Amino acid sequence: RILASRSHRCPKLGRMILEKQLRRLLRDSDTTVAKLGRSSLVPAKTIYNWLEGQTPRDIAQVKRVADHFGVTLDYLCYGEAKNSPSTALDAHRDEILAGVFE
């Protein structure tokens, strides 16, 4: 169990700007922390902690918030690559899953 929890910890790579990005995304989408918490299944208290500058402990929670806003983890945490798919597969994922490419 200890190993499982460590594998989901957020790495400390560079200077995180999560609180700044999260504030911007909340403002731009006119979303509240409570709504974000309900839709992403991340406790509102955890999101408030991030907004206060606390480093996230669980990367899976950060990923769910990024998915909610339709941005990458890199964008949410570091302000990089807002919507740039990393591969051609990622760029066409919806079409592939929908069966458009057969």
Protein backbone atom coordinates (compact mmCIF):
# COMPACT_ATOMS: atom_id res chain seq x y z
CA ARG A 1 0.00 0.00 0.00
CA ILE A 2 2.84 2.40 0.70
CA LEU A 3 4.24 1.90 -2.80
CA ALA A 4 0.86 2.57 -4.40
CA SER A 5 0.47 5.89 -2.61
CA ARG A 6 4.00 6.99 -3.56
CA SER A 7 3.41 6.26 -7.24
CA HIS A 8 0.60 8.81 -7.30
CA ARG A 9 2.55 11.59 -5.61
CA CYS A 10 3.21 14.71 -7.65
CA PRO A 11 6.82 15.00 -8.73
CA LYS A 12 8.68 18.19 -7.86
CA LEU A 13 9.90 19.18 -11.30
CA GLY A 14 10.53 22.88 -11.69
CA ARG A 15 8.41 25.63 -10.22
CA MET A 16 4.75 24.75 -10.07
CA ILE A 17 2.23 27.48 -10.78
CA LEU A 18 -0.82 25.35 -10.07
CA GLU A 19 -2.53 27.93 -7.86
CA LYS A 20 -2.21 30.67 -10.51
CA GLN A 21 -3.42 28.42 -13.34
CA LEU A 22 -6.27 27.01 -11.27
CA ARG A 23 -7.46 30.50 -10.31
CA ARG A 24 -7.37 31.55 -13.98
CA LEU A 25 -9.29 28.46 -15.14
CA LEU A 26 -11.91 28.86 -12.42
CA ARG A 27 -12.38 32.54 -13.30
CA ASP A 28 -12.44 32.00 -17.07
CA SER A 29 -14.96 29.16 -16.83
CA ASP A 30 -17.07 30.90 -14.18
CA THR A 31 -16.81 27.78 -12.02
CA THR A 32 -16.74 27.62 -8.23
CA VAL A 33 -14.51 25.38 -6.17
CA ALA A 34 -17.60 23.52 -4.95
CA LYS A 35 -18.76 22.80 -8.52
CA LEU A 36 -15.26 21.76 -9.56
CA GLY A 37 -15.03 19.44 -6.57
CA ARG A 38 -18.33 17.76 -7.38
CA SER A 39 -17.60 17.30 -11.07
CA SER A 40 -13.99 16.15 -10.66
CA LEU A 41 -14.55 14.08 -7.50
CA VAL A 42 -11.75 15.99 -5.78
CA PRO A 43 -12.67 17.28 -2.31
CA ALA A 44 -13.26 21.04 -2.28
CA LYS A 45 -10.94 21.32 0.74
CA THR A 46 -8.12 19.80 -1.35
CA ILE A 47 -8.73 22.32 -4.13
CA TYR A 48 -8.77 25.18 -1.62
CA ASN A 49 -5.45 23.91 -0.26
CA TRP A 50 -3.96 24.03 -3.77
CA LEU A 51 -5.28 27.58 -4.18
CA GLU A 52 -3.44 28.47 -0.98
CA GLY A 53 -0.19 27.15 -2.43
CA GLN A 54 -0.08 23.66 -0.94
CA THR A 55 1.70 21.14 -3.17
CA PRO A 56 -0.67 18.40 -4.37
CA ARG A 57 -0.09 14.96 -2.91
CA ASP A 58 -2.05 12.90 -5.43
CA ILE A 59 -1.36 13.34 -9.15
CA ALA A 60 -4.57 11.47 -9.99
CA GLN A 61 -6.59 14.27 -8.38
CA VAL A 62 -4.69 16.91 -10.33
CA LYS A 63 -5.30 14.93 -13.53
CA ARG A 64 -9.06 14.84 -12.85
CA VAL A 65 -9.08 18.63 -12.45
CA ALA A 66 -7.05 19.07 -15.66
CA ASP A 67 -9.49 16.77 -17.47
CA HIS A 68 -12.43 18.79 -16.15
CA PHE A 69 -11.00 21.92 -17.77
CA GLY A 70 -9.79 20.14 -20.90
CA VAL A 71 -6.14 21.03 -20.34
CA THR A 72 -2.96 19.02 -19.89
CA LEU A 73 -1.24 18.40 -16.57
CA ASP A 74 1.70 20.43 -17.88
CA TYR A 75 -0.56 23.41 -18.49
CA LEU A 76 -2.33 23.15 -15.14
CA CYS A 77 0.86 22.73 -13.11
CA TYR A 78 3.45 24.62 -15.15
CA GLY A 79 1.57 26.78 -17.67
CA GLU A 80 2.83 24.85 -20.69
CA ALA A 81 1.08 23.26 -23.68
CA LYS A 82 -2.54 24.18 -22.96
CA ASN A 83 -4.17 22.02 -25.61
CA SER A 84 -1.37 20.54 -27.67
CA PRO A 85 -1.75 16.79 -28.14
CA SER A 86 1.55 14.97 -27.72
CA THR A 87 1.00 12.49 -30.55
CA ALA A 88 -1.13 12.02 -33.63
CA LEU A 89 -3.09 9.38 -31.73
CA ASP A 90 -3.94 11.89 -29.03
CA ALA A 91 -5.01 14.43 -31.66
CA HIS A 92 -7.55 11.96 -33.10
CA ARG A 93 -8.47 10.01 -29.99
CA ASP A 94 -12.18 10.93 -30.10
CA GLU A 95 -12.53 9.92 -33.74
CA ILE A 96 -10.67 6.68 -33.19
CA LEU A 97 -12.80 5.75 -30.21
CA ALA A 98 -15.95 6.72 -32.10
CA GLY A 99 -15.05 4.32 -34.93
CA VAL A 100 -14.56 7.00 -37.60
CA PHE A 101 -11.22 5.49 -38.63
CA GLU A 102 -11.84 1.88 -39.59
